[in-house]
Amino acid sequence: TLLSILIITPIGFYSKFYAGPAASWVNDSLGGVFYEVFWCLVAFLFFPNSKPGKIAIVVLTITCLLEFLQLWHPPFLQAIRSNFIGVTILGDSFTGSDFPYYFVGSGIGWVWLRWIAANPCKGSKPSQG
C-alpha cells in the first residue's frame, strides 16, 4: 500500500502543475481521479482489514461532501484554503463536473485495493471485498 501511495502522490501533484495539451482539463478535472485513488490508498494503509468497497464508498462520500463544502466560505475555511495544501485538500470553488471524476477515481481505487488485498506482502493478511 505504501508503495502505491508513493506512486500515486507525485502523479497527483504533477496533474496540478501539468502545462501540456489539455492542461486545464488535467489540472482541474483529471486530478480528481488521482485524489480519490490517493485517499483510498491512505485509508487502506490505516485500515488494512476494511473491505475495499467500503473504503471506496466512504472516500467518495467524504469527497462529495467536501465538494459541497466549497459553497461555504467562512473565514476559518478561507484561511485553510489560502495555501497550496489547503486548497488541494479542500478545494476553493464548487464544480459539479468534478463528480464523475470522483466516481471514476473511487472505482479505480476500489480495483487497486482489491489487487493489493489479493497480492499481500509476506506476513500480511488479505482483505475481502
N, C-alpha and C. Protein backbone atom coordinates (compact mmCIF):
# COMPACT_ATOMS: atom_id res chain seq x y z
N THR A 1 0.83 -1.20 0.00
CA THR A 1 0.00 0.00 0.00
C THR A 1 0.87 1.25 0.00
N LEU A 2 1.92 1.23 0.81
CA LEU A 2 2.80 2.39 0.87
C LEU A 2 3.46 2.66 -0.48
N LEU A 3 3.89 1.61 -1.16
CA LEU A 3 4.48 1.78 -2.49
C LEU A 3 3.47 2.40 -3.45
N SER A 4 2.23 1.96 -3.38
CA SER A 4 1.18 2.53 -4.23
C SER A 4 0.99 4.02 -3.95
N ILE A 5 1.02 4.39 -2.67
CA ILE A 5 0.89 5.81 -2.30
C ILE A 5 2.07 6.60 -2.86
N LEU A 6 3.26 6.00 -2.78
CA LEU A 6 4.45 6.68 -3.31
C LEU A 6 4.40 6.82 -4.83
N ILE A 7 3.63 5.99 -5.50
CA ILE A 7 3.46 6.09 -6.95
C ILE A 7 2.40 7.14 -7.29
N ILE A 8 1.25 7.09 -6.62
CA ILE A 8 0.12 7.97 -6.99
C ILE A 8 0.33 9.41 -6.55
N THR A 9 1.05 9.64 -5.46
CA THR A 9 1.21 11.01 -4.94
C THR A 9 1.90 11.94 -5.94
N PRO A 10 3.06 11.59 -6.49
CA PRO A 10 3.67 12.50 -7.46
C PRO A 10 2.84 12.66 -8.73
N ILE A 11 2.11 11.61 -9.12
CA ILE A 11 1.24 11.72 -10.29
C ILE A 11 0.15 12.75 -10.02
N GLY A 12 -0.45 12.68 -8.83
CA GLY A 12 -1.50 13.63 -8.47
C GLY A 12 -0.99 15.06 -8.42
N PHE A 13 0.17 15.26 -7.79
CA PHE A 13 0.73 16.62 -7.74
C PHE A 13 1.12 17.10 -9.13
N TYR A 14 1.67 16.21 -9.94
CA TYR A 14 2.05 16.59 -11.31
C TYR A 14 0.82 17.07 -12.09
N SER A 15 -0.32 16.42 -11.85
CA SER A 15 -1.54 16.82 -12.57
C SER A 15 -1.93 18.26 -12.25
N LYS A 16 -1.54 18.76 -11.10
CA LYS A 16 -1.85 20.15 -10.74
C LYS A 16 -0.93 21.15 -11.45
N PHE A 17 0.25 20.69 -11.87
CA PHE A 17 1.23 21.59 -12.49
C PHE A 17 1.42 21.32 -13.98
N TYR A 18 0.76 20.30 -14.50
CA TYR A 18 0.89 19.94 -15.91
C TYR A 18 0.56 21.13 -16.79
N ALA A 19 1.38 21.36 -17.83
CA ALA A 19 1.18 22.53 -18.69
C ALA A 19 1.09 22.17 -20.17
N GLY A 20 0.92 20.90 -20.51
CA GLY A 20 0.87 20.47 -21.90
C GLY A 20 -0.53 20.56 -22.48
N PRO A 21 -0.77 19.76 -23.54
CA PRO A 21 -2.10 19.73 -24.16
C PRO A 21 -3.19 19.37 -23.14
N ALA A 22 -4.32 20.02 -23.25
CA ALA A 22 -5.46 19.79 -22.35
C ALA A 22 -5.11 20.07 -20.89
N ALA A 23 -4.21 21.02 -20.66
CA ALA A 23 -3.74 21.33 -19.31
C ALA A 23 -4.88 21.70 -18.37
N SER A 24 -5.82 22.48 -18.84
CA SER A 24 -6.93 22.89 -17.99
C SER A 24 -7.72 21.68 -17.50
N TRP A 25 -7.99 20.75 -18.40
CA TRP A 25 -8.72 19.53 -18.04
C TRP A 25 -7.92 18.68 -17.06
N VAL A 26 -6.62 18.51 -17.34
CA VAL A 26 -5.77 17.71 -16.45
C VAL A 26 -5.69 18.36 -15.07
N ASN A 27 -5.45 19.68 -15.03
CA ASN A 27 -5.31 20.40 -13.76
C ASN A 27 -6.61 20.41 -12.96
N ASP A 28 -7.72 20.64 -13.63
CA ASP A 28 -8.98 20.89 -12.93
C ASP A 28 -9.89 19.68 -12.78
N SER A 29 -9.76 18.69 -13.64
CA SER A 29 -10.70 17.56 -13.60
C SER A 29 -10.02 16.21 -13.38
N LEU A 30 -9.07 15.87 -14.23
CA LEU A 30 -8.42 14.57 -14.12
C LEU A 30 -7.75 14.38 -12.77
N GLY A 31 -7.26 15.47 -12.19
CA GLY A 31 -6.64 15.38 -10.87
C GLY A 31 -7.57 14.80 -9.82
N GLY A 32 -8.88 14.96 -10.01
CA GLY A 32 -9.85 14.39 -9.08
C GLY A 32 -9.79 12.87 -9.03
N VAL A 33 -9.44 12.25 -10.15
CA VAL A 33 -9.30 10.79 -10.18
C VAL A 33 -8.14 10.37 -9.27
N PHE A 34 -7.00 11.06 -9.43
CA PHE A 34 -5.83 10.73 -8.62
C PHE A 34 -6.08 11.01 -7.13
N TYR A 35 -6.83 12.08 -6.86
CA TYR A 35 -7.19 12.45 -5.48
C TYR A 35 -7.95 11.31 -4.81
N GLU A 36 -8.94 10.77 -5.51
CA GLU A 36 -9.74 9.67 -4.95
C GLU A 36 -8.89 8.43 -4.71
N VAL A 37 -8.08 8.07 -5.71
CA VAL A 37 -7.23 6.89 -5.57
C VAL A 37 -6.30 7.06 -4.37
N PHE A 38 -5.69 8.24 -4.25
CA PHE A 38 -4.78 8.52 -3.14
C PHE A 38 -5.47 8.28 -1.80
N TRP A 39 -6.66 8.85 -1.60
CA TRP A 39 -7.33 8.72 -0.32
C TRP A 39 -7.81 7.30 -0.06
N CYS A 40 -8.17 6.57 -1.11
CA CYS A 40 -8.50 5.15 -0.93
C CYS A 40 -7.28 4.40 -0.41
N LEU A 41 -6.12 4.67 -0.99
CA LEU A 41 -4.88 4.01 -0.56
C LEU A 41 -4.50 4.39 0.87
N VAL A 42 -4.64 5.67 1.20
CA VAL A 42 -4.32 6.11 2.56
C VAL A 42 -5.25 5.43 3.57
N ALA A 43 -6.53 5.38 3.26
CA ALA A 43 -7.48 4.72 4.16
C ALA A 43 -7.12 3.25 4.34
N PHE A 44 -6.75 2.59 3.25
CA PHE A 44 -6.39 1.17 3.32
C PHE A 44 -5.11 0.96 4.11
N LEU A 45 -4.20 1.92 4.04
CA LEU A 45 -2.97 1.84 4.82
C LEU A 45 -3.29 1.81 6.32
N PHE A 46 -4.24 2.64 6.73
CA PHE A 46 -4.60 2.72 8.15
C PHE A 46 -5.64 1.69 8.58
N PHE A 47 -6.43 1.21 7.62
CA PHE A 47 -7.48 0.22 7.92
C PHE A 47 -7.35 -0.97 6.96
N PRO A 48 -6.26 -1.72 7.07
CA PRO A 48 -5.98 -2.78 6.10
C PRO A 48 -6.98 -3.95 6.12
N ASN A 49 -7.74 -4.08 7.18
CA ASN A 49 -8.72 -5.16 7.25
C ASN A 49 -10.10 -4.73 6.75
N SER A 50 -10.23 -3.47 6.36
CA SER A 50 -11.51 -2.99 5.83
C SER A 50 -11.70 -3.48 4.40
N LYS A 51 -12.93 -3.64 4.02
CA LYS A 51 -13.23 -4.08 2.65
C LYS A 51 -12.96 -2.93 1.68
N PRO A 52 -12.30 -3.22 0.56
CA PRO A 52 -12.01 -2.19 -0.43
C PRO A 52 -13.26 -1.42 -0.89
N GLY A 53 -14.37 -2.13 -1.05
CA GLY A 53 -15.60 -1.45 -1.47
C GLY A 53 -16.08 -0.43 -0.45
N LYS A 54 -15.99 -0.79 0.81
CA LYS A 54 -16.40 0.14 1.88
C LYS A 54 -15.49 1.37 1.89
N ILE A 55 -14.19 1.14 1.75
CA ILE A 55 -13.25 2.27 1.72
C ILE A 55 -13.57 3.19 0.55
N ALA A 56 -13.78 2.62 -0.63
CA ALA A 56 -14.06 3.44 -1.82
C ALA A 56 -15.33 4.26 -1.64
N ILE A 57 -16.36 3.67 -1.05
CA ILE A 57 -17.62 4.39 -0.83
C ILE A 57 -17.45 5.50 0.20
N VAL A 58 -16.74 5.23 1.28
CA VAL A 58 -16.51 6.25 2.30
C VAL A 58 -15.69 7.41 1.72
N VAL A 59 -14.64 7.09 0.98
CA VAL A 59 -13.81 8.14 0.36
C VAL A 59 -14.65 8.96 -0.62
N LEU A 60 -15.44 8.31 -1.45
CA LEU A 60 -16.30 9.02 -2.40
C LEU A 60 -17.29 9.92 -1.67
N THR A 61 -17.91 9.42 -0.62
CA THR A 61 -18.88 10.21 0.14
C THR A 61 -18.23 11.44 0.76
N ILE A 62 -17.08 11.25 1.39
CA ILE A 62 -16.39 12.39 2.01
C ILE A 62 -15.97 13.40 0.96
N THR A 63 -15.47 12.93 -0.18
CA THR A 63 -15.05 13.85 -1.24
C THR A 63 -16.24 14.64 -1.78
N CYS A 64 -17.37 13.98 -1.96
CA CYS A 64 -18.56 14.69 -2.44
C CYS A 64 -19.01 15.74 -1.42
N LEU A 65 -18.94 15.39 -0.14
CA LEU A 65 -19.28 16.37 0.91
C LEU A 65 -18.31 17.55 0.89
N LEU A 66 -17.02 17.26 0.70
CA LEU A 66 -16.03 18.34 0.61
C LEU A 66 -16.30 19.24 -0.60
N GLU A 67 -16.76 18.65 -1.69
CA GLU A 67 -17.10 19.46 -2.87
C GLU A 67 -18.22 20.43 -2.53
N PHE A 68 -19.25 19.95 -1.85
CA PHE A 68 -20.34 20.84 -1.45
C PHE A 68 -19.88 21.87 -0.42
N LEU A 69 -18.91 21.50 0.40
CA LEU A 69 -18.37 22.42 1.40
C LEU A 69 -17.74 23.65 0.73
N GLN A 70 -17.36 23.49 -0.54
CA GLN A 70 -16.75 24.61 -1.26
C GLN A 70 -17.74 25.74 -1.54
N LEU A 71 -19.01 25.47 -1.32
CA LEU A 71 -20.02 26.53 -1.45
C LEU A 71 -20.05 27.44 -0.23
N TRP A 72 -19.37 27.03 0.83
CA TRP A 72 -19.36 27.75 2.11
C TRP A 72 -18.00 28.41 2.27
N HIS A 73 -17.98 29.68 2.60
CA HIS A 73 -16.73 30.44 2.67
C HIS A 73 -16.52 31.19 3.99
N PRO A 74 -16.63 30.50 5.13
CA PRO A 74 -16.36 31.18 6.40
C PRO A 74 -14.86 31.48 6.52
N PRO A 75 -14.50 32.45 7.34
CA PRO A 75 -13.09 32.84 7.47
C PRO A 75 -12.13 31.69 7.80
N PHE A 76 -12.55 30.77 8.68
CA PHE A 76 -11.61 29.69 9.05
C PHE A 76 -11.33 28.77 7.86
N LEU A 77 -12.33 28.52 7.01
CA LEU A 77 -12.08 27.69 5.83
C LEU A 77 -11.27 28.46 4.79
N GLN A 78 -11.53 29.73 4.66
CA GLN A 78 -10.75 30.55 3.72
C GLN A 78 -9.29 30.58 4.13
N ALA A 79 -9.03 30.62 5.43
CA ALA A 79 -7.64 30.60 5.91
C ALA A 79 -6.96 29.29 5.53
N ILE A 80 -7.67 28.18 5.68
CA ILE A 80 -7.11 26.88 5.30
C ILE A 80 -6.86 26.82 3.80
N ARG A 81 -7.79 27.37 3.03
CA ARG A 81 -7.69 27.33 1.57
C ARG A 81 -6.67 28.32 1.01
N SER A 82 -6.07 29.12 1.86
CA SER A 82 -5.15 30.17 1.38
C SER A 82 -3.77 29.64 1.00
N ASN A 83 -3.51 28.35 1.22
CA ASN A 83 -2.21 27.80 0.82
C ASN A 83 -2.43 26.59 -0.09
N PHE A 84 -1.36 26.16 -0.75
CA PHE A 84 -1.46 25.09 -1.75
C PHE A 84 -2.04 23.80 -1.17
N ILE A 85 -1.53 23.36 -0.04
CA ILE A 85 -2.01 22.09 0.54
C ILE A 85 -3.48 22.22 0.94
N GLY A 86 -3.86 23.33 1.55
CA GLY A 86 -5.25 23.53 1.95
C GLY A 86 -6.20 23.51 0.78
N VAL A 87 -5.85 24.22 -0.28
CA VAL A 87 -6.73 24.26 -1.46
C VAL A 87 -6.70 22.91 -2.19
N THR A 88 -5.58 22.20 -2.12
CA THR A 88 -5.50 20.88 -2.76
C THR A 88 -6.42 19.89 -2.05
N ILE A 89 -6.48 19.97 -0.74
CA ILE A 89 -7.31 19.03 0.03
C ILE A 89 -8.78 19.45 0.03
N LEU A 90 -9.05 20.74 0.28
CA LEU A 90 -10.43 21.20 0.41
C LEU A 90 -11.03 21.80 -0.85
N GLY A 91 -10.19 22.24 -1.78
CA GLY A 91 -10.70 22.93 -2.95
C GLY A 91 -11.10 24.34 -2.60
N ASP A 92 -11.44 25.13 -3.63
CA ASP A 92 -11.82 26.52 -3.36
C ASP A 92 -13.10 26.95 -4.06
N SER A 93 -13.58 26.15 -5.00
CA SER A 93 -14.83 26.53 -5.67
C SER A 93 -15.59 25.26 -6.08
N PHE A 94 -16.90 25.32 -5.95
CA PHE A 94 -17.75 24.19 -6.29
C PHE A 94 -17.77 23.99 -7.79
N THR A 95 -17.56 22.74 -8.22
CA THR A 95 -17.63 22.40 -9.63
C THR A 95 -18.36 21.07 -9.76
N GLY A 96 -19.59 21.14 -10.20
CA GLY A 96 -20.40 19.93 -10.32
C GLY A 96 -19.82 18.91 -11.29
N SER A 97 -19.06 19.38 -12.27
CA SER A 97 -18.47 18.46 -13.24
C SER A 97 -17.35 17.61 -12.65
N ASP A 98 -16.94 17.89 -11.41
CA ASP A 98 -15.92 17.07 -10.74
C ASP A 98 -16.47 15.72 -10.29
N PHE A 99 -17.77 15.62 -10.07
CA PHE A 99 -18.34 14.40 -9.50
C PHE A 99 -18.06 13.14 -10.33
N PRO A 100 -18.20 13.18 -11.66
CA PRO A 100 -17.88 11.95 -12.42
C PRO A 100 -16.44 11.49 -12.21
N TYR A 101 -15.52 12.42 -12.07
CA TYR A 101 -14.11 12.07 -11.85
C TYR A 101 -13.92 11.45 -10.47
N TYR A 102 -14.70 11.90 -9.50
CA TYR A 102 -14.64 11.29 -8.16
C TYR A 102 -15.13 9.84 -8.22
N PHE A 103 -16.21 9.61 -8.97
CA PHE A 103 -16.72 8.25 -9.10
C PHE A 103 -15.72 7.35 -9.81
N VAL A 104 -15.12 7.86 -10.88
CA VAL A 104 -14.11 7.08 -11.61
C VAL A 104 -12.92 6.79 -10.71
N GLY A 105 -12.44 7.81 -10.00
CA GLY A 105 -11.29 7.63 -9.11
C GLY A 105 -11.56 6.65 -7.99
N SER A 106 -12.75 6.71 -7.42
CA SER A 106 -13.10 5.75 -6.36
C SER A 106 -13.22 4.34 -6.93
N GLY A 107 -13.72 4.24 -8.15
CA GLY A 107 -13.78 2.93 -8.80
C GLY A 107 -12.40 2.36 -9.04
N ILE A 108 -11.49 3.19 -9.53
CA ILE A 108 -10.10 2.76 -9.73
C ILE A 108 -9.48 2.41 -8.39
N GLY A 109 -9.75 3.24 -7.37
CA GLY A 109 -9.24 2.96 -6.04
C GLY A 109 -9.73 1.62 -5.52
N TRP A 110 -11.00 1.32 -5.75
CA TRP A 110 -11.57 0.03 -5.32
C TRP A 110 -10.85 -1.13 -6.01
N VAL A 111 -10.64 -1.03 -7.33
CA VAL A 111 -9.93 -2.08 -8.07
C VAL A 111 -8.50 -2.22 -7.56
N TRP A 112 -7.84 -1.08 -7.34
CA TRP A 112 -6.46 -1.08 -6.86
C TRP A 112 -6.36 -1.76 -5.49
N LEU A 113 -7.28 -1.42 -4.60
CA LEU A 113 -7.28 -2.02 -3.26
C LEU A 113 -7.56 -3.52 -3.32
N ARG A 114 -8.45 -3.92 -4.20
CA ARG A 114 -8.71 -5.36 -4.37
C ARG A 114 -7.45 -6.07 -4.85
N TRP A 115 -6.72 -5.43 -5.74
CA TRP A 115 -5.47 -6.02 -6.23
C TRP A 115 -4.46 -6.15 -5.09
N ILE A 116 -4.34 -5.10 -4.29
CA ILE A 116 -3.41 -5.15 -3.15
C ILE A 116 -3.83 -6.26 -2.18
N ALA A 117 -5.13 -6.34 -1.90
CA ALA A 117 -5.63 -7.35 -0.97
C ALA A 117 -5.40 -8.77 -1.49
N ALA A 118 -5.47 -8.94 -2.80
CA ALA A 118 -5.27 -10.26 -3.40
C ALA A 118 -3.80 -10.62 -3.55
N ASN A 119 -2.93 -9.63 -3.43
CA ASN A 119 -1.48 -9.83 -3.59
C ASN A 119 -0.73 -9.27 -2.39
N PRO A 120 -1.01 -9.79 -1.20
CA PRO A 120 -0.39 -9.22 0.00
C PRO A 120 1.11 -9.51 0.07
N CYS A 121 1.81 -8.64 0.76
CA CYS A 121 3.22 -8.88 1.06
C CYS A 121 3.30 -10.01 2.07
N LYS A 122 4.44 -10.63 2.18
CA LYS A 122 4.61 -11.69 3.17
C LYS A 122 4.31 -11.16 4.56
N GLY A 123 3.56 -11.95 5.31
CA GLY A 123 3.28 -11.58 6.69
C GLY A 123 2.04 -10.72 6.86
N SER A 124 1.38 -10.34 5.78
CA SER A 124 0.16 -9.54 5.93
C SER A 124 -1.04 -10.38 5.51
N LYS A 125 -2.20 -10.01 6.03
CA LYS A 125 -3.42 -10.75 5.74
C LYS A 125 -4.20 -10.04 4.65
N PRO A 126 -4.71 -10.78 3.66
CA PRO A 126 -5.52 -10.14 2.62
C PRO A 126 -6.90 -9.76 3.16
N SER A 127 -7.45 -8.72 2.57
CA SER A 127 -8.80 -8.28 2.92
C SER A 127 -9.76 -8.85 1.88
N GLN A 128 -11.00 -8.94 2.21
CA GLN A 128 -12.02 -9.40 1.27
C GLN A 128 -12.86 -8.22 0.85
N GLY A 129 -13.41 -8.24 -0.36
CA GLY A 129 -14.35 -7.20 -0.71
C GLY A 129 -14.26 -6.78 -2.07
